Each structure stands twice: as C-alpha cells, then as structure tokens.
Amino acid sequence: MHDKASLSLGVIIMACSGWAVYAATAWPWKAALFPIAIGVPVFCLAAAEVLWVLFGTATAERAMDFQMSADVPAPVANRRAALAAAWMIGFFAAIALVGFPVAVPLFVLLYLRLQGRESWLFSIVFSAAVWGFFHAVFQRLLNLPFPQGWIQFW
C-alpha cells in the first residue's frame, strides 16, 4: 500500500512541477524565475522518489508515516488536533480580516497568552519583537506590499 501511494504521489508531483516549468518558459524571465527555480528541484526529487519506489529494495521493517500517540487517549488526541486546526483557521481568518501585518503579531500574542499560558509581559514583548522582525524584513527590506484586510477595505 505504501509503495503504491508513494509512486502515485511522486508521479503526480512530477507532472505538476513539469507542467509548471513548461508553462513558465513562455513567461518573461523575471516572472518565470520562481516557478523554474522551485519546479526543477521538485521534479528531480519526485523523480528520485519514483525511481526509489520502482527500483529500491524492500525492507521487512517499514517506517510509519503517521501514528497517533499510544500513550495519549484517543479523545485527548482528537481534542488537541481539533484545537490546532482551530488555531490555524483562526490565523487564516485574522489574515483575511485585518491583513498580514496586524494578524501575525495578534496571532502570536493570543497564542502565547491563551494556549501557551505565558505572562502578559512576555507575550507582549515577544509579539512586539515578531512584529518588528516582520516589518523590518517584509515591509522595509523586501518592500512587499500586503493587501488590506477586509475590515480596512470596508
């Protein structure tokens, strides 16, 4: 089962990255640089996976891709997984509502305070540091324009 999944996933990734590189060759060089720079290594790694599955030797002992923790009861593990998914959905919602520059430090603040149970001082200082890093790198250094959130747009 694992070999069929690895083989099919490798072939699908090869097809997608190959198509992306092929399509990007018709674009202007600056626009095509990123898809080509990412697509070629991804294609090569997927091809290596496909070749490994086809010609690699099978071992008796296989590694597990995913396994629920055996020492944690299933309801607790499910609750933790749902909580992690809720934090991610909340982060995406914050990005949509208020935009990246506000959502990133807001998420860090709320996560540290509510989920990490850190002190208010630590949460605020760390969130300010994250905001400073985010602002310095993405807005000042790289000059990336971030779209406004829906609240600012309305």
C-alpha atoms as a PDB file:
ATOM      1  CA  MET A   1       0.000   0.000   0.000  1.00  0.00           C
ATOM      2  CA  HIS A   2       2.772   2.424   0.943  1.00  0.00           C
ATOM      3  CA  ASP A   3       4.635   1.834  -2.335  1.00  0.00           C
ATOM      4  CA  LYS A   4       1.534   2.494  -4.435  1.00  0.00           C
ATOM      5  CA  ALA A   5       0.851   5.737  -2.573  1.00  0.00           C
ATOM      6  CA  SER A   6       4.468   6.904  -2.867  1.00  0.00           C
ATOM      7  CA  LEU A   7       4.590   6.010  -6.540  1.00  0.00           C
ATOM      8  CA  SER A   8       1.328   7.749  -7.419  1.00  0.00           C
ATOM      9  CA  LEU A   9       2.175  10.827  -5.361  1.00  0.00           C
ATOM     10  CA  GLY A  10       5.626  11.026  -6.952  1.00  0.00           C
ATOM     11  CA  VAL A  11       4.173  10.773 -10.459  1.00  0.00           C
ATOM     12  CA  ILE A  12       1.543  13.435  -9.686  1.00  0.00           C
ATOM     13  CA  ILE A  13       4.182  15.797  -8.270  1.00  0.00           C
ATOM     14  CA  MET A  14       6.409  15.177 -11.291  1.00  0.00           C
ATOM     15  CA  ALA A  15       3.519  16.003 -13.634  1.00  0.00           C
ATOM     16  CA  CYS A  16       2.550  19.175 -11.755  1.00  0.00           C
ATOM     17  CA  SER A  17       6.087  20.512 -11.420  1.00  0.00           C
ATOM     18  CA  GLY A  18       6.927  19.574 -15.018  1.00  0.00           C
ATOM     19  CA  TRP A  19       3.852  21.407 -16.247  1.00  0.00           C
ATOM     20  CA  ALA A  20       4.707  24.436 -14.079  1.00  0.00           C
ATOM     21  CA  VAL A  21       8.242  24.623 -15.502  1.00  0.00           C
ATOM     22  CA  TYR A  22       6.990  24.138 -19.057  1.00  0.00           C
ATOM     23  CA  ALA A  23       4.311  26.813 -18.660  1.00  0.00           C
ATOM     24  CA  ALA A  24       6.772  29.235 -17.064  1.00  0.00           C
ATOM     25  CA  THR A  25       9.176  29.045 -20.003  1.00  0.00           C
ATOM     26  CA  ALA A  26       6.729  31.143 -22.049  1.00  0.00           C
ATOM     27  CA  TRP A  27       6.688  33.922 -19.442  1.00  0.00           C
ATOM     28  CA  PRO A  28       9.074  36.851 -19.117  1.00  0.00           C
ATOM     29  CA  TRP A  29      12.282  35.863 -17.319  1.00  0.00           C
ATOM     30  CA  LYS A  30      11.524  37.704 -14.067  1.00  0.00           C
ATOM     31  CA  ALA A  31       8.082  36.115 -13.803  1.00  0.00           C
ATOM     32  CA  ALA A  32       9.368  32.650 -14.731  1.00  0.00           C
ATOM     33  CA  LEU A  33      12.337  32.618 -12.356  1.00  0.00           C
ATOM     34  CA  PHE A  34      10.465  31.478  -9.237  1.00  0.00           C
ATOM     35  CA  PRO A  35       8.430  28.633 -10.826  1.00  0.00           C
ATOM     36  CA  ILE A  36      11.536  27.354 -12.602  1.00  0.00           C
ATOM     37  CA  ALA A  37      13.769  27.653  -9.534  1.00  0.00           C
ATOM     38  CA  ILE A  38      11.251  25.687  -7.474  1.00  0.00           C
ATOM     39  CA  GLY A  39       9.863  23.395 -10.154  1.00  0.00           C
ATOM     40  CA  VAL A  40      13.140  21.865 -11.336  1.00  0.00           C
ATOM     41  CA  PRO A  41      14.332  20.668  -7.890  1.00  0.00           C
ATOM     42  CA  VAL A  42      10.822  19.461  -7.007  1.00  0.00           C
ATOM     43  CA  PHE A  43      10.671  17.498 -10.270  1.00  0.00           C
ATOM     44  CA  CYS A  44      14.097  15.944  -9.592  1.00  0.00           C
ATOM     45  CA  LEU A  45      13.192  14.985  -6.017  1.00  0.00           C
ATOM     46  CA  ALA A  46       9.878  13.474  -7.139  1.00  0.00           C
ATOM     47  CA  ALA A  47      11.695  11.555  -9.894  1.00  0.00           C
ATOM     48  CA  ALA A  48      14.142  10.239  -7.290  1.00  0.00           C
ATOM     49  CA  GLU A  49      11.204   9.071  -5.158  1.00  0.00           C
ATOM     50  CA  VAL A  50       9.604   7.334  -8.135  1.00  0.00           C
ATOM     51  CA  LEU A  51      12.887   5.612  -9.018  1.00  0.00           C
ATOM     52  CA  TRP A  52      13.393   4.618  -5.375  1.00  0.00           C
ATOM     53  CA  VAL A  53       9.943   3.030  -5.246  1.00  0.00           C
ATOM     54  CA  LEU A  54      10.416   1.252  -8.583  1.00  0.00           C
ATOM     55  CA  PHE A  55      13.972   0.016  -8.141  1.00  0.00           C
ATOM     56  CA  GLY A  56      14.658   0.250  -4.407  1.00  0.00           C
ATOM     57  CA  THR A  57      14.915  -2.819  -2.256  1.00  0.00           C
ATOM     58  CA  ALA A  58      12.041  -3.560   0.088  1.00  0.00           C
ATOM     59  CA  THR A  59      12.846  -3.866   3.764  1.00  0.00           C
ATOM     60  CA  ALA A  60      10.985  -6.008   6.251  1.00  0.00           C
ATOM     61  CA  GLU A  61      10.720  -3.210   8.793  1.00  0.00           C
ATOM     62  CA  ARG A  62       8.934  -0.111   7.499  1.00  0.00           C
ATOM     63  CA  ALA A  63       8.848   3.346   8.993  1.00  0.00           C
ATOM     64  CA  MET A  64       5.465   4.741   9.949  1.00  0.00           C
ATOM     65  CA  ASP A  65       4.338   7.893   8.182  1.00  0.00           C
ATOM     66  CA  PHE A  66       1.778   8.817  10.801  1.00  0.00           C
ATOM     67  CA  GLN A  67       0.762   7.223  14.046  1.00  0.00           C
ATOM     68  CA  MET A  68      -1.381   8.560  16.835  1.00  0.00           C
ATOM     69  CA  SER A  69       0.388   8.674  20.154  1.00  0.00           C
ATOM     70  CA  ALA A  70      -0.085   5.405  22.003  1.00  0.00           C
ATOM     71  CA  ASP A  71       0.248   6.913  25.475  1.00  0.00           C
ATOM     72  CA  VAL A  72      -2.496   9.535  24.993  1.00  0.00           C
ATOM     73  CA  PRO A  73      -6.172   8.524  24.967  1.00  0.00           C
ATOM     74  CA  ALA A  74      -7.929   8.996  21.630  1.00  0.00           C
ATOM     75  CA  PRO A  75     -10.368  11.698  22.866  1.00  0.00           C
ATOM     76  CA  VAL A  76      -7.467  13.786  24.186  1.00  0.00           C
ATOM     77  CA  ALA A  77      -5.520  13.382  20.933  1.00  0.00           C
ATOM     78  CA  ASN A  78      -8.600  14.307  18.884  1.00  0.00           C
ATOM     79  CA  ARG A  79      -9.229  17.379  21.049  1.00  0.00           C
ATOM     80  CA  ARG A  80      -5.621  18.508  20.614  1.00  0.00           C
ATOM     81  CA  ALA A  81      -5.818  18.030  16.846  1.00  0.00           C
ATOM     82  CA  ALA A  82      -9.080  19.985  16.684  1.00  0.00           C
ATOM     83  CA  LEU A  83      -7.561  22.759  18.797  1.00  0.00           C
ATOM     84  CA  ALA A  84      -4.548  23.008  16.490  1.00  0.00           C
ATOM     85  CA  ALA A  85      -6.855  23.152  13.467  1.00  0.00           C
ATOM     86  CA  ALA A  86      -8.926  25.859  15.155  1.00  0.00           C
ATOM     87  CA  TRP A  87      -5.797  27.974  15.764  1.00  0.00           C
ATOM     88  CA  MET A  88      -4.827  27.640  12.090  1.00  0.00           C
ATOM     89  CA  ILE A  89      -8.311  28.545  10.893  1.00  0.00           C
ATOM     90  CA  GLY A  90      -8.314  31.489  13.287  1.00  0.00           C
ATOM     91  CA  PHE A  91      -4.967  32.666  11.896  1.00  0.00           C
ATOM     92  CA  PHE A  92      -6.290  32.480   8.330  1.00  0.00           C
ATOM     93  CA  ALA A  93      -9.423  34.349   9.375  1.00  0.00           C
ATOM     94  CA  ALA A  94      -7.311  37.052  11.041  1.00  0.00           C
ATOM     95  CA  ILE A  95      -5.241  37.423   7.865  1.00  0.00           C
ATOM     96  CA  ALA A  96      -8.417  37.841   5.814  1.00  0.00           C
ATOM     97  CA  LEU A  97      -9.998  40.281   8.261  1.00  0.00           C
ATOM     98  CA  VAL A  98      -7.099  42.532   9.269  1.00  0.00           C
ATOM     99  CA  GLY A  99      -4.268  41.621   6.874  1.00  0.00           C
ATOM    100  CA  PHE A 100      -0.835  40.090   7.471  1.00  0.00           C
ATOM    101  CA  PRO A 101       0.908  42.992   9.249  1.00  0.00           C
ATOM    102  CA  VAL A 102      -1.709  43.009  12.014  1.00  0.00           C
ATOM    103  CA  ALA A 103      -2.611  39.293  12.030  1.00  0.00           C
ATOM    104  CA  VAL A 104       0.913  37.988  12.655  1.00  0.00           C
ATOM    105  CA  PRO A 105       1.624  39.809  15.948  1.00  0.00           C
ATOM    106  CA  LEU A 106      -2.022  39.436  17.020  1.00  0.00           C
ATOM    107  CA  PHE A 107      -1.845  35.677  16.487  1.00  0.00           C
ATOM    108  CA  VAL A 108       1.471  35.422  18.347  1.00  0.00           C
ATOM    109  CA  LEU A 109       0.083  37.436  21.256  1.00  0.00           C
ATOM    110  CA  LEU A 110      -3.112  35.398  21.548  1.00  0.00           C
ATOM    111  CA  TYR A 111      -1.375  32.061  21.076  1.00  0.00           C
ATOM    112  CA  LEU A 112       1.280  32.768  23.681  1.00  0.00           C
ATOM    113  CA  ARG A 113      -1.217  34.122  26.205  1.00  0.00           C
ATOM    114  CA  LEU A 114      -4.138  31.705  25.711  1.00  0.00           C
ATOM    115  CA  GLN A 115      -2.554  28.482  24.515  1.00  0.00           C
ATOM    116  CA  GLY A 116       0.954  28.836  25.934  1.00  0.00           C
ATOM    117  CA  ARG A 117      -0.236  30.420  29.187  1.00  0.00           C
ATOM    118  CA  GLU A 118       2.684  32.829  29.166  1.00  0.00           C
ATOM    119  CA  SER A 119       2.657  36.047  31.152  1.00  0.00           C
ATOM    120  CA  TRP A 120       1.258  39.225  29.635  1.00  0.00           C
ATOM    121  CA  LEU A 121       4.695  40.844  29.720  1.00  0.00           C
ATOM    122  CA  PHE A 122       6.393  38.017  27.840  1.00  0.00           C
ATOM    123  CA  SER A 123       3.527  37.745  25.348  1.00  0.00           C
ATOM    124  CA  ILE A 124       3.545  41.466  24.576  1.00  0.00           C
ATOM    125  CA  VAL A 125       7.336  41.741  24.325  1.00  0.00           C
ATOM    126  CA  PHE A 126       7.623  38.668  22.105  1.00  0.00           C
ATOM    127  CA  SER A 127       4.730  39.826  19.902  1.00  0.00           C
ATOM    128  CA  ALA A 128       6.372  43.231  19.525  1.00  0.00           C
ATOM    129  CA  ALA A 129       9.641  41.533  18.549  1.00  0.00           C
ATOM    130  CA  VAL A 130       7.825  39.405  15.970  1.00  0.00           C
ATOM    131  CA  TRP A 131       6.080  42.493  14.602  1.00  0.00           C
ATOM    132  CA  GLY A 132       9.428  44.334  14.396  1.00  0.00           C
ATOM    133  CA  PHE A 133      11.068  41.433  12.570  1.00  0.00           C
ATOM    134  CA  PHE A 134       8.095  41.040  10.213  1.00  0.00           C
ATOM    135  CA  HIS A 135       8.002  44.770   9.500  1.00  0.00           C
ATOM    136  CA  ALA A 136      11.763  45.080   9.018  1.00  0.00           C
ATOM    137  CA  VAL A 137      12.140  42.085   6.722  1.00  0.00           C
ATOM    138  CA  PHE A 138       8.964  42.007   4.657  1.00  0.00           C
ATOM    139  CA  GLN A 139       7.910  45.633   4.520  1.00  0.00           C
ATOM    140  CA  ARG A 140      11.187  47.572   4.768  1.00  0.00           C
ATOM    141  CA  LEU A 141      13.852  45.260   3.373  1.00  0.00           C
ATOM    142  CA  LEU A 142      11.864  43.334   0.757  1.00  0.00           C
ATOM    143  CA  ASN A 143       9.238  46.056   0.227  1.00  0.00           C
ATOM    144  CA  LEU A 144       6.428  43.520  -0.162  1.00  0.00           C
ATOM    145  CA  PRO A 145       3.011  45.110  -0.388  1.00  0.00           C
ATOM    146  CA  PHE A 146       0.421  43.243   1.642  1.00  0.00           C
ATOM    147  CA  PRO A 147      -3.236  43.667   0.751  1.00  0.00           C
ATOM    148  CA  GLN A 148      -5.514  45.241   3.303  1.00  0.00           C
ATOM    149  CA  GLY A 149      -7.776  43.068   5.371  1.00  0.00           C
ATOM    150  CA  TRP A 150     -11.486  43.072   4.785  1.00  0.00           C
ATOM    151  CA  ILE A 151     -12.075  45.319   7.791  1.00  0.00           C
ATOM    152  CA  GLN A 152      -9.701  48.013   6.494  1.00  0.00           C
ATOM    153  CA  PHE A 153     -11.132  47.652   2.986  1.00  0.00           C
ATOM    154  CA  TRP A 154     -14.728  48.110   4.171  1.00  0.00           C
END
